[in-house]
Protein backbone atom coordinates (compact mmCIF):
# COMPACT_ATOMS: atom_id res chain seq x y z
CA UNK A 1 -18.47 -2.91 24.70
CA UNK A 2 -17.82 -1.28 21.34
CA UNK A 3 -14.59 -1.46 19.45
CA UNK A 4 -13.00 1.66 18.07
CA UNK A 5 -11.63 1.12 14.57
CA UNK A 6 -9.18 3.24 12.69
CA UNK A 7 -8.29 3.31 9.02
CA UNK A 8 -5.21 1.27 8.09
CA UNK A 9 -2.82 3.13 5.79
CA UNK A 10 -0.25 0.88 4.09
CA UNK A 11 1.81 3.94 3.13
CA UNK A 12 2.64 4.50 6.81
CA UNK A 13 4.38 1.11 6.87
CA UNK A 14 6.41 1.48 3.69
CA UNK A 15 9.72 2.74 5.00
CA UNK A 16 11.96 2.61 1.97
CA UNK A 17 11.95 2.37 -1.82
CA UNK A 18 12.89 -1.30 -1.45
CA UNK A 19 9.78 -1.96 0.66
CA UNK A 20 7.63 -0.19 -1.93
CA UNK A 21 9.17 -2.31 -4.69
CA UNK A 22 8.46 -5.51 -2.74
CA UNK A 23 4.88 -4.39 -2.03
CA UNK A 24 4.24 -3.55 -5.69
CA UNK A 25 5.85 -6.80 -6.87
CA UNK A 26 3.52 -8.80 -4.63
CA UNK A 27 0.44 -6.91 -5.83
CA UNK A 28 1.43 -7.26 -9.49
CA UNK A 29 2.03 -10.98 -9.00
CA UNK A 30 -1.64 -11.42 -8.13
CA UNK A 31 -2.70 -9.54 -11.27
CA UNK A 32 -5.90 -7.92 -9.93
CA UNK A 33 -6.29 -4.56 -11.71
CA UNK A 34 -8.23 -3.00 -8.83
CA UNK A 35 -5.53 -3.90 -6.31
CA UNK A 36 -2.78 -2.76 -8.67
CA UNK A 37 -4.42 0.65 -9.06
CA UNK A 38 -4.80 0.97 -5.30
CA UNK A 39 -1.19 -0.08 -4.69
CA UNK A 40 0.12 2.46 -7.19
CA UNK A 41 -1.86 5.18 -5.43
CA UNK A 42 -0.51 4.04 -2.08
CA UNK A 43 3.07 4.04 -3.35
CA UNK A 44 2.67 7.53 -4.81
CA UNK A 45 1.20 8.85 -1.54
CA UNK A 46 4.26 7.50 0.32
CA UNK A 47 6.51 9.20 -2.20
CA UNK A 48 4.69 12.52 -1.67
CA UNK A 49 5.39 12.50 2.09
């Protein structure tokens, strides 16, 4: 049996500006530049919807 995988998009689960702020705050708290860049892109893609 093979499993079918789909791509997880965080932006689909960010339902409000407050959720985006909480998400970004958590990412910034960890301080990893790669994750921060990805999170900013995710937040901007939610904003563009």
